[in-house]
Amino acid sequence: MPKIVDWYMEKKINIDGLITHVLPLERINEAFDLMHEGKSIRSVVSFYTSRAGAVILRI
């Protein structure tokens, strides 16, 4: 896992392109619905309104 983080930080792999939805914590149920409906590749649930520096839950 640490090597994958290094590759991401060195921009050798694109993970951001796999994020299809960024939702606030209040909409976590919607993130699960999107996943179950096959409408999202990767949803990020943020505890904050901004993506920068947010603590996230990956679903």
PDB file of N, CA and C in Angstrom:
ATOM      1  N   MET A   1       0.812  -1.195   0.000  1.00  0.00           N
ATOM      2  CA  MET A   1       0.000   0.000   0.000  1.00  0.00           C
ATOM      3  C   MET A   1       0.860   1.266   0.000  1.00  0.00           C
ATOM      4  N   PRO A   2       1.915   1.357   0.806  1.00  0.00           N
ATOM      5  CA  PRO A   2       2.724   2.583   0.787  1.00  0.00           C
ATOM      6  C   PRO A   2       3.274   2.908  -0.605  1.00  0.00           C
ATOM      7  N   LYS A   3       3.606   1.884  -1.375  1.00  0.00           N
ATOM      8  CA  LYS A   3       4.146   2.124  -2.716  1.00  0.00           C
ATOM      9  C   LYS A   3       3.087   2.772  -3.612  1.00  0.00           C
ATOM     10  N   ILE A   4       1.833   2.350  -3.482  1.00  0.00           N
ATOM     11  CA  ILE A   4       0.754   2.943  -4.271  1.00  0.00           C
ATOM     12  C   ILE A   4       0.580   4.412  -3.900  1.00  0.00           C
ATOM     13  N   VAL A   5       0.693   4.714  -2.620  1.00  0.00           N
ATOM     14  CA  VAL A   5       0.612   6.117  -2.172  1.00  0.00           C
ATOM     15  C   VAL A   5       1.754   6.920  -2.793  1.00  0.00           C
ATOM     16  N   ASP A   6       2.943   6.343  -2.806  1.00  0.00           N
ATOM     17  CA  ASP A   6       4.083   7.024  -3.433  1.00  0.00           C
ATOM     18  C   ASP A   6       3.811   7.284  -4.909  1.00  0.00           C
ATOM     19  N   TRP A   7       3.310   6.285  -5.628  1.00  0.00           N
ATOM     20  CA  TRP A   7       3.001   6.451  -7.056  1.00  0.00           C
ATOM     21  C   TRP A   7       1.974   7.554  -7.263  1.00  0.00           C
ATOM     22  N   TYR A   8       0.973   7.595  -6.371  1.00  0.00           N
ATOM     23  CA  TYR A   8      -0.052   8.641  -6.473  1.00  0.00           C
ATOM     24  C   TYR A   8       0.581  10.022  -6.249  1.00  0.00           C
ATOM     25  N   MET A   9       1.378  10.139  -5.217  1.00  0.00           N
ATOM     26  CA  MET A   9       2.009  11.426  -4.898  1.00  0.00           C
ATOM     27  C   MET A   9       2.971  11.866  -6.003  1.00  0.00           C
ATOM     28  N   GLU A  10       3.592  10.907  -6.677  1.00  0.00           N
ATOM     29  CA  GLU A  10       4.507  11.206  -7.779  1.00  0.00           C
ATOM     30  C   GLU A  10       3.775  11.349  -9.117  1.00  0.00           C
ATOM     31  N   LYS A  11       2.431  11.275  -9.058  1.00  0.00           N
ATOM     32  CA  LYS A  11       1.573  11.406 -10.243  1.00  0.00           C
ATOM     33  C   LYS A  11       1.838  10.319 -11.287  1.00  0.00           C
ATOM     34  N   LYS A  12       2.252   9.147 -10.819  1.00  0.00           N
ATOM     35  CA  LYS A  12       2.470   8.019 -11.720  1.00  0.00           C
ATOM     36  C   LYS A  12       1.174   7.254 -11.988  1.00  0.00           C
ATOM     37  N   ILE A  13       0.210   7.386 -11.076  1.00  0.00           N
ATOM     38  CA  ILE A  13      -1.103   6.778 -11.279  1.00  0.00           C
ATOM     39  C   ILE A  13      -2.167   7.826 -11.010  1.00  0.00           C
ATOM     40  N   ASN A  14      -3.289   7.717 -11.714  1.00  0.00           N
ATOM     41  CA  ASN A  14      -4.388   8.664 -11.556  1.00  0.00           C
ATOM     42  C   ASN A  14      -5.523   7.991 -10.798  1.00  0.00           C
ATOM     43  N   ILE A  15      -5.692   8.375  -9.564  1.00  0.00           N
ATOM     44  CA  ILE A  15      -6.802   7.856  -8.768  1.00  0.00           C
ATOM     45  C   ILE A  15      -7.951   8.855  -8.764  1.00  0.00           C
ATOM     46  N   ASP A  16      -7.634  10.144  -8.822  1.00  0.00           N
ATOM     47  CA  ASP A  16      -8.672  11.177  -8.796  1.00  0.00           C
ATOM     48  C   ASP A  16      -9.682  10.993  -9.925  1.00  0.00           C
ATOM     49  N   GLY A  17      -9.223  10.514 -11.059  1.00  0.00           N
ATOM     50  CA  GLY A  17     -10.125  10.305 -12.188  1.00  0.00           C
ATOM     51  C   GLY A  17     -11.166   9.228 -11.941  1.00  0.00           C
ATOM     52  N   LEU A  18     -10.955   8.395 -10.934  1.00  0.00           N
ATOM     53  CA  LEU A  18     -11.919   7.346 -10.599  1.00  0.00           C
ATOM     54  C   LEU A  18     -13.010   7.824  -9.648  1.00  0.00           C
ATOM     55  N   ILE A  19     -12.842   9.022  -9.082  1.00  0.00           N
ATOM     56  CA  ILE A  19     -13.842   9.560  -8.163  1.00  0.00           C
ATOM     57  C   ILE A  19     -14.964  10.166  -8.989  1.00  0.00           C
ATOM     58  N   THR A  20     -16.155   9.595  -8.852  1.00  0.00           N
ATOM     59  CA  THR A  20     -17.292  10.080  -9.633  1.00  0.00           C
ATOM     60  C   THR A  20     -18.195  11.013  -8.842  1.00  0.00           C
ATOM     61  N   HIS A  21     -18.161  10.918  -7.526  1.00  0.00           N
ATOM     62  CA  HIS A  21     -19.024  11.752  -6.682  1.00  0.00           C
ATOM     63  C   HIS A  21     -18.274  12.146  -5.405  1.00  0.00           C
ATOM     64  N   VAL A  22     -18.449  13.393  -4.994  1.00  0.00           N
ATOM     65  CA  VAL A  22     -17.950  13.871  -3.697  1.00  0.00           C
ATOM     66  C   VAL A  22     -19.168  14.427  -2.973  1.00  0.00           C
ATOM     67  N   LEU A  23     -19.504  13.813  -1.857  1.00  0.00           N
ATOM     68  CA  LEU A  23     -20.712  14.180  -1.133  1.00  0.00           C
ATOM     69  C   LEU A  23     -20.393  14.503   0.319  1.00  0.00           C
ATOM     70  N   PRO A  24     -21.149  15.433   0.916  1.00  0.00           N
ATOM     71  CA  PRO A  24     -20.953  15.713   2.347  1.00  0.00           C
ATOM     72  C   PRO A  24     -21.507  14.556   3.180  1.00  0.00           C
ATOM     73  N   LEU A  25     -21.078  14.483   4.405  1.00  0.00           N
ATOM     74  CA  LEU A  25     -21.483  13.397   5.296  1.00  0.00           C
ATOM     75  C   LEU A  25     -23.004  13.278   5.396  1.00  0.00           C
ATOM     76  N   GLU A  26     -23.700  14.398   5.342  1.00  0.00           N
ATOM     77  CA  GLU A  26     -25.161  14.374   5.459  1.00  0.00           C
ATOM     78  C   GLU A  26     -25.818  13.577   4.329  1.00  0.00           C
ATOM     79  N   ARG A  27     -25.086  13.352   3.222  1.00  0.00           N
ATOM     80  CA  ARG A  27     -25.642  12.640   2.061  1.00  0.00           C
ATOM     81  C   ARG A  27     -25.030  11.240   1.901  1.00  0.00           C
ATOM     82  N   ILE A  28     -24.551  10.673   3.006  1.00  0.00           N
ATOM     83  CA  ILE A  28     -23.895   9.369   2.932  1.00  0.00           C
ATOM     84  C   ILE A  28     -24.836   8.294   2.389  1.00  0.00           C
ATOM     85  N   ASN A  29     -26.107   8.368   2.738  1.00  0.00           N
ATOM     86  CA  ASN A  29     -27.055   7.369   2.232  1.00  0.00           C
ATOM     87  C   ASN A  29     -27.168   7.437   0.713  1.00  0.00           C
ATOM     88  N   GLU A  30     -27.096   8.634   0.166  1.00  0.00           N
ATOM     89  CA  GLU A  30     -27.116   8.797  -1.289  1.00  0.00           C
ATOM     90  C   GLU A  30     -25.889   8.132  -1.920  1.00  0.00           C
ATOM     91  N   ALA A  31     -24.744   8.233  -1.256  1.00  0.00           N
ATOM     92  CA  ALA A  31     -23.527   7.590  -1.763  1.00  0.00           C
ATOM     93  C   ALA A  31     -23.716   6.074  -1.849  1.00  0.00           C
ATOM     94  N   PHE A  32     -24.324   5.495  -0.827  1.00  0.00           N
ATOM     95  CA  PHE A  32     -24.591   4.056  -0.855  1.00  0.00           C
ATOM     96  C   PHE A  32     -25.602   3.707  -1.946  1.00  0.00           C
ATOM     97  N   ASP A  33     -26.628   4.553  -2.100  1.00  0.00           N
ATOM     98  CA  ASP A  33     -27.617   4.315  -3.160  1.00  0.00           C
ATOM     99  C   ASP A  33     -26.958   4.325  -4.531  1.00  0.00           C
ATOM    100  N   LEU A  34     -26.104   5.308  -4.782  1.00  0.00           N
ATOM    101  CA  LEU A  34     -25.402   5.380  -6.064  1.00  0.00           C
ATOM    102  C   LEU A  34     -24.567   4.131  -6.309  1.00  0.00           C
ATOM    103  N   MET A  35     -23.924   3.643  -5.247  1.00  0.00           N
ATOM    104  CA  MET A  35     -23.100   2.446  -5.371  1.00  0.00           C
ATOM    105  C   MET A  35     -23.968   1.228  -5.707  1.00  0.00           C
ATOM    106  N   HIS A  36     -25.062   1.068  -4.980  1.00  0.00           N
ATOM    107  CA  HIS A  36     -25.928  -0.087  -5.202  1.00  0.00           C
ATOM    108  C   HIS A  36     -26.599  -0.046  -6.574  1.00  0.00           C
ATOM    109  N   GLU A  37     -26.858   1.157  -7.099  1.00  0.00           N
ATOM    110  CA  GLU A  37     -27.480   1.312  -8.413  1.00  0.00           C
ATOM    111  C   GLU A  37     -26.460   1.212  -9.545  1.00  0.00           C
ATOM    112  N   GLY A  38     -25.192   1.100  -9.202  1.00  0.00           N
ATOM    113  CA  GLY A  38     -24.146   1.015 -10.216  1.00  0.00           C
ATOM    114  C   GLY A  38     -23.881   2.331 -10.922  1.00  0.00           C
ATOM    115  N   LYS A  39     -24.212   3.447 -10.260  1.00  0.00           N
ATOM    116  CA  LYS A  39     -24.062   4.776 -10.864  1.00  0.00           C
ATOM    117  C   LYS A  39     -22.788   5.494 -10.423  1.00  0.00           C
ATOM    118  N   SER A  40     -21.980   4.843  -9.613  1.00  0.00           N
ATOM    119  CA  SER A  40     -20.735   5.491  -9.195  1.00  0.00           C
ATOM    120  C   SER A  40     -19.603   4.482  -9.230  1.00  0.00           C
ATOM    121  N   ILE A  41     -18.428   4.982  -9.603  1.00  0.00           N
ATOM    122  CA  ILE A  41     -17.227   4.150  -9.554  1.00  0.00           C
ATOM    123  C   ILE A  41     -16.636   4.260  -8.152  1.00  0.00           C
ATOM    124  N   ARG A  42     -16.478   5.486  -7.695  1.00  0.00           N
ATOM    125  CA  ARG A  42     -15.948   5.744  -6.360  1.00  0.00           C
ATOM    126  C   ARG A  42     -16.590   7.020  -5.844  1.00  0.00           C
ATOM    127  N   SER A  43     -17.264   6.912  -4.715  1.00  0.00           N
ATOM    128  CA  SER A  43     -17.825   8.087  -4.056  1.00  0.00           C
ATOM    129  C   SER A  43     -16.948   8.421  -2.856  1.00  0.00           C
ATOM    130  N   VAL A  44     -16.733   9.689  -2.655  1.00  0.00           N
ATOM    131  CA  VAL A  44     -15.974  10.162  -1.500  1.00  0.00           C
ATOM    132  C   VAL A  44     -16.943  10.922  -0.610  1.00  0.00           C
ATOM    133  N   VAL A  45     -17.024  10.518   0.646  1.00  0.00           N
ATOM    134  CA  VAL A  45     -17.871  11.195   1.623  1.00  0.00           C
ATOM    135  C   VAL A  45     -16.953  12.049   2.480  1.00  0.00           C
ATOM    136  N   SER A  46     -17.199  13.351   2.460  1.00  0.00           N
ATOM    137  CA  SER A  46     -16.324  14.300   3.136  1.00  0.00           C
ATOM    138  C   SER A  46     -16.974  14.818   4.413  1.00  0.00           C
ATOM    139  N   PHE A  47     -16.169  14.961   5.447  1.00  0.00           N
ATOM    140  CA  PHE A  47     -16.638  15.575   6.682  1.00  0.00           C
ATOM    141  C   PHE A  47     -16.674  17.093   6.561  1.00  0.00           C
ATOM    142  N   TYR A  48     -16.055  17.624   5.503  1.00  0.00           N
ATOM    143  CA  TYR A  48     -15.963  19.060   5.283  1.00  0.00           C
ATOM    144  C   TYR A  48     -16.543  19.393   3.919  1.00  0.00           C
ATOM    145  N   THR A  49     -16.779  20.670   3.655  1.00  0.00           N
ATOM    146  CA  THR A  49     -17.351  21.064   2.370  1.00  0.00           C
ATOM    147  C   THR A  49     -16.299  21.142   1.273  1.00  0.00           C
ATOM    148  N   SER A  50     -15.046  21.228   1.634  1.00  0.00           N
ATOM    149  CA  SER A  50     -13.964  21.344   0.664  1.00  0.00           C
ATOM    150  C   SER A  50     -13.232  20.019   0.532  1.00  0.00           C
ATOM    151  N   ARG A  51     -12.781  19.685  -0.693  1.00  0.00           N
ATOM    152  CA  ARG A  51     -12.025  18.442  -0.888  1.00  0.00           C
ATOM    153  C   ARG A  51     -10.616  18.562  -0.325  1.00  0.00           C
ATOM    154  N   ALA A  52     -10.076  19.746  -0.318  1.00  0.00           N
ATOM    155  CA  ALA A  52      -8.693  19.934   0.131  1.00  0.00           C
ATOM    156  C   ALA A  52      -8.595  19.691   1.626  1.00  0.00           C
ATOM    157  N   GLY A  53      -7.776  18.750   2.002  1.00  0.00           N
ATOM    158  CA  GLY A  53      -7.529  18.492   3.414  1.00  0.00           C
ATOM    159  C   GLY A  53      -8.667  17.790   4.135  1.00  0.00           C
ATOM    160  N   ALA A  54      -9.648  17.307   3.412  1.00  0.00           N
ATOM    161  CA  ALA A  54     -10.799  16.676   4.060  1.00  0.00           C
ATOM    162  C   ALA A  54     -10.443  15.276   4.547  1.00  0.00           C
ATOM    163  N   VAL A  55     -11.024  14.927   5.672  1.00  0.00           N
ATOM    164  CA  VAL A  55     -10.955  13.551   6.135  1.00  0.00           C
ATOM    165  C   VAL A  55     -12.076  12.837   5.404  1.00  0.00           C
ATOM    166  N   ILE A  56     -11.770  11.729   4.762  1.00  0.00           N
ATOM    167  CA  ILE A  56     -12.759  11.110   3.893  1.00  0.00           C
ATOM    168  C   ILE A  56     -13.045   9.664   4.269  1.00  0.00           C
ATOM    169  N   LEU A  57     -14.213   9.219   3.891  1.00  0.00           N
ATOM    170  CA  LEU A  57     -14.594   7.812   3.941  1.00  0.00           C
ATOM    171  C   LEU A  57     -14.774   7.382   2.498  1.00  0.00           C
ATOM    172  N   ARG A  58     -14.107   6.331   2.082  1.00  0.00           N
ATOM    173  CA  ARG A  58     -14.283   5.842   0.731  1.00  0.00           C
ATOM    174  C   ARG A  58     -15.331   4.747   0.756  1.00  0.00           C
ATOM    175  N   ILE A  59     -16.226   4.823  -0.207  1.00  0.00           N
ATOM    176  CA  ILE A  59     -17.306   3.831  -0.284  1.00  0.00           C
ATOM    177  C   ILE A  59     -17.181   3.081  -1.584  1.00  0.00           C
TER     178      ILE A  59
END
